[in-house]
């Protein structure tokens, strides 16, 4: 690969690794998850997808500097939302886990907060 290709791929690596960690966490059967906090699930969804959103925005800023900020925000949010939806669909196949529209809403909240963080930074 030419060096320029590495320069465009490397910014995406942290987001890809984080997405893989989300997938692994979503693969844990439901009975193995012990809540330690009220609304733990919703707080974790928001935080995990906030981090994904920040990593995606970071990648867009480093890999596609010519893209407008609005498009970077929009594409990052759409990717967070899409990954949240596919993550919930994945959970339909994990023992003792169910897909949840409310979880997708909290995933989207995390993505939205990431956009706000970048916008006002």
C-alpha atoms as a PDB file:
ATOM      1  CA  UNK A   1       0.000   0.000   0.000  1.00  0.00           C
ATOM      2  CA  UNK A   2       1.258   3.496  -0.735  1.00  0.00           C
ATOM      3  CA  UNK A   3       2.084   5.586   2.334  1.00  0.00           C
ATOM      4  CA  UNK A   4      -0.837   7.944   1.655  1.00  0.00           C
ATOM      5  CA  UNK A   5      -3.223   4.977   1.992  1.00  0.00           C
ATOM      6  CA  UNK A   6      -1.810   4.193   5.451  1.00  0.00           C
ATOM      7  CA  UNK A   7      -2.305   7.823   6.387  1.00  0.00           C
ATOM      8  CA  UNK A   8      -5.974   7.578   5.439  1.00  0.00           C
ATOM      9  CA  UNK A   9      -6.535   4.207   7.146  1.00  0.00           C
ATOM     10  CA  UNK A  10      -4.780   4.749  10.469  1.00  0.00           C
ATOM     11  CA  UNK A  11      -7.206   7.406  11.791  1.00  0.00           C
ATOM     12  CA  UNK A  12     -10.033   4.857  11.461  1.00  0.00           C
ATOM     13  CA  UNK A  13      -8.240   2.147  13.435  1.00  0.00           C
ATOM     14  CA  UNK A  14      -9.299   3.306  16.936  1.00  0.00           C
ATOM     15  CA  UNK A  15     -12.966   3.493  15.847  1.00  0.00           C
ATOM     16  CA  UNK A  16     -12.744   0.027  14.270  1.00  0.00           C
ATOM     17  CA  UNK A  17     -11.169  -1.422  17.406  1.00  0.00           C
ATOM     18  CA  UNK A  18     -13.831   0.229  19.591  1.00  0.00           C
ATOM     19  CA  UNK A  19     -16.580  -1.137  17.325  1.00  0.00           C
ATOM     20  CA  UNK A  20     -15.058  -4.619  17.681  1.00  0.00           C
ATOM     21  CA  UNK A  21     -15.066  -4.227  21.479  1.00  0.00           C
ATOM     22  CA  UNK A  22     -18.742  -3.217  21.349  1.00  0.00           C
ATOM     23  CA  UNK A  23     -19.449  -6.335  19.296  1.00  0.00           C
ATOM     24  CA  UNK A  24     -17.624  -8.514  21.831  1.00  0.00           C
ATOM     25  CA  UNK A  25     -19.524  -6.932  24.713  1.00  0.00           C
ATOM     26  CA  UNK A  26     -22.811  -7.460  22.901  1.00  0.00           C
ATOM     27  CA  UNK A  27     -21.950 -11.125  22.487  1.00  0.00           C
ATOM     28  CA  UNK A  28     -22.015 -11.758  26.242  1.00  0.00           C
ATOM     29  CA  UNK A  29     -25.149 -13.746  27.155  1.00  0.00           C
ATOM     30  CA  UNK A  30     -27.651 -11.718  29.151  1.00  0.00           C
ATOM     31  CA  UNK A  31     -27.476 -13.848  32.310  1.00  0.00           C
ATOM     32  CA  UNK A  32     -23.732 -13.117  32.600  1.00  0.00           C
ATOM     33  CA  UNK A  33     -24.318  -9.361  32.927  1.00  0.00           C
ATOM     34  CA  UNK A  34     -24.750  -8.181  36.505  1.00  0.00           C
ATOM     35  CA  UNK A  35     -26.195  -4.672  36.956  1.00  0.00           C
ATOM     36  CA  UNK A  36     -24.449  -2.527  39.574  1.00  0.00           C
ATOM     37  CA  UNK A  37     -26.305   0.720  38.982  1.00  0.00           C
ATOM     38  CA  UNK A  38     -29.863   1.861  38.295  1.00  0.00           C
ATOM     39  CA  UNK A  39     -30.234   2.430  34.543  1.00  0.00           C
ATOM     40  CA  UNK A  40     -26.731   0.973  34.088  1.00  0.00           C
ATOM     41  CA  UNK A  41     -27.664  -0.328  30.660  1.00  0.00           C
ATOM     42  CA  UNK A  42     -28.766   3.069  29.351  1.00  0.00           C
ATOM     43  CA  UNK A  43     -25.786   4.916  30.851  1.00  0.00           C
ATOM     44  CA  UNK A  44     -23.390   2.384  29.327  1.00  0.00           C
ATOM     45  CA  UNK A  45     -25.056   2.599  25.913  1.00  0.00           C
ATOM     46  CA  UNK A  46     -24.725   6.378  25.962  1.00  0.00           C
ATOM     47  CA  UNK A  47     -21.082   6.362  27.082  1.00  0.00           C
ATOM     48  CA  UNK A  48     -19.974   3.563  24.764  1.00  0.00           C
ATOM     49  CA  UNK A  49     -21.539   5.214  21.716  1.00  0.00           C
ATOM     50  CA  UNK A  50     -20.321   8.657  22.792  1.00  0.00           C
ATOM     51  CA  UNK A  51     -16.793   7.248  22.607  1.00  0.00           C
ATOM     52  CA  UNK A  52     -17.529   5.642  19.230  1.00  0.00           C
ATOM     53  CA  UNK A  53     -18.853   8.972  17.962  1.00  0.00           C
ATOM     54  CA  UNK A  54     -15.752  10.829  19.163  1.00  0.00           C
ATOM     55  CA  UNK A  55     -13.465   8.257  17.537  1.00  0.00           C
ATOM     56  CA  UNK A  56     -15.408   8.477  14.270  1.00  0.00           C
ATOM     57  CA  UNK A  57     -15.304  12.263  14.281  1.00  0.00           C
ATOM     58  CA  UNK A  58     -11.574  12.157  15.004  1.00  0.00           C
ATOM     59  CA  UNK A  59     -11.137   9.834  12.030  1.00  0.00           C
ATOM     60  CA  UNK A  60     -13.203  12.064   9.736  1.00  0.00           C
ATOM     61  CA  UNK A  61     -11.162  15.112  10.768  1.00  0.00           C
ATOM     62  CA  UNK A  62      -7.832  13.366  10.168  1.00  0.00           C
ATOM     63  CA  UNK A  63      -8.691  11.306   7.076  1.00  0.00           C
ATOM     64  CA  UNK A  64     -11.010  13.677   5.221  1.00  0.00           C
ATOM     65  CA  UNK A  65      -9.933  17.263   5.978  1.00  0.00           C
ATOM     66  CA  UNK A  66     -11.668  18.625   2.866  1.00  0.00           C
ATOM     67  CA  UNK A  67     -15.088  17.396   4.048  1.00  0.00           C
ATOM     68  CA  UNK A  68     -17.196  20.128   5.643  1.00  0.00           C
ATOM     69  CA  UNK A  69     -17.675  20.023   9.415  1.00  0.00           C
ATOM     70  CA  UNK A  70     -21.436  19.581   8.968  1.00  0.00           C
ATOM     71  CA  UNK A  71     -20.887  16.485   6.829  1.00  0.00           C
ATOM     72  CA  UNK A  72     -18.375  15.097   9.314  1.00  0.00           C
ATOM     73  CA  UNK A  73     -20.959  15.530  12.093  1.00  0.00           C
ATOM     74  CA  UNK A  74     -23.758  14.056  10.011  1.00  0.00           C
ATOM     75  CA  UNK A  75     -21.774  11.061   8.742  1.00  0.00           C
ATOM     76  CA  UNK A  76     -20.429  10.304  12.209  1.00  0.00           C
ATOM     77  CA  UNK A  77     -23.903  10.439  13.720  1.00  0.00           C
ATOM     78  CA  UNK A  78     -25.327   8.242  10.952  1.00  0.00           C
ATOM     79  CA  UNK A  79     -22.536   5.681  11.438  1.00  0.00           C
ATOM     80  CA  UNK A  80     -23.130   5.615  15.209  1.00  0.00           C
ATOM     81  CA  UNK A  81     -26.860   5.159  14.655  1.00  0.00           C
ATOM     82  CA  UNK A  82     -26.331   2.465  12.024  1.00  0.00           C
ATOM     83  CA  UNK A  83     -23.885   0.573  14.235  1.00  0.00           C
ATOM     84  CA  UNK A  84     -26.288   0.854  17.177  1.00  0.00           C
ATOM     85  CA  UNK A  85     -29.076  -0.644  15.079  1.00  0.00           C
ATOM     86  CA  UNK A  86     -26.899  -3.477  13.807  1.00  0.00           C
ATOM     87  CA  UNK A  87     -25.651  -4.106  17.351  1.00  0.00           C
ATOM     88  CA  UNK A  88     -29.220  -4.535  18.572  1.00  0.00           C
ATOM     89  CA  UNK A  89     -29.988  -6.881  15.669  1.00  0.00           C
ATOM     90  CA  UNK A  90     -26.874  -8.868  16.602  1.00  0.00           C
ATOM     91  CA  UNK A  91     -28.193  -9.191  20.170  1.00  0.00           C
ATOM     92  CA  UNK A  92     -31.283 -10.958  18.817  1.00  0.00           C
ATOM     93  CA  UNK A  93     -28.978 -13.952  18.234  1.00  0.00           C
ATOM     94  CA  UNK A  94     -27.253 -13.848  21.647  1.00  0.00           C
ATOM     95  CA  UNK A  95     -28.705 -16.068  24.394  1.00  0.00           C
ATOM     96  CA  UNK A  96     -30.836 -14.163  26.912  1.00  0.00           C
ATOM     97  CA  UNK A  97     -30.440 -10.869  25.027  1.00  0.00           C
ATOM     98  CA  UNK A  98     -33.071  -9.001  23.077  1.00  0.00           C
ATOM     99  CA  UNK A  99     -32.924  -6.107  20.637  1.00  0.00           C
ATOM    100  CA  UNK A 100     -34.237  -2.859  22.109  1.00  0.00           C
ATOM    101  CA  UNK A 101     -35.407   0.274  20.344  1.00  0.00           C
ATOM    102  CA  UNK A 102     -34.749   2.205  23.566  1.00  0.00           C
ATOM    103  CA  UNK A 103     -31.109   1.057  23.522  1.00  0.00           C
ATOM    104  CA  UNK A 104     -30.787   2.404  19.976  1.00  0.00           C
ATOM    105  CA  UNK A 105     -32.153   5.732  21.246  1.00  0.00           C
ATOM    106  CA  UNK A 106     -29.445   5.876  23.919  1.00  0.00           C
ATOM    107  CA  UNK A 107     -26.822   4.867  21.338  1.00  0.00           C
ATOM    108  CA  UNK A 108     -28.019   7.784  19.204  1.00  0.00           C
ATOM    109  CA  UNK A 109     -27.848  10.069  22.250  1.00  0.00           C
ATOM    110  CA  UNK A 110     -24.194   9.105  22.665  1.00  0.00           C
ATOM    111  CA  UNK A 111     -23.535   9.911  19.004  1.00  0.00           C
ATOM    112  CA  UNK A 112     -25.346  13.235  19.339  1.00  0.00           C
ATOM    113  CA  UNK A 113     -23.327  14.142  22.448  1.00  0.00           C
ATOM    114  CA  UNK A 114     -20.125  13.358  20.528  1.00  0.00           C
ATOM    115  CA  UNK A 115     -21.193  15.804  17.812  1.00  0.00           C
ATOM    116  CA  UNK A 116     -21.968  18.452  20.457  1.00  0.00           C
ATOM    117  CA  UNK A 117     -18.586  17.842  22.090  1.00  0.00           C
ATOM    118  CA  UNK A 118     -16.755  18.406  18.782  1.00  0.00           C
ATOM    119  CA  UNK A 119     -18.954  21.310  17.742  1.00  0.00           C
ATOM    120  CA  UNK A 120     -18.384  23.298  20.937  1.00  0.00           C
ATOM    121  CA  UNK A 121     -14.777  22.286  21.575  1.00  0.00           C
END
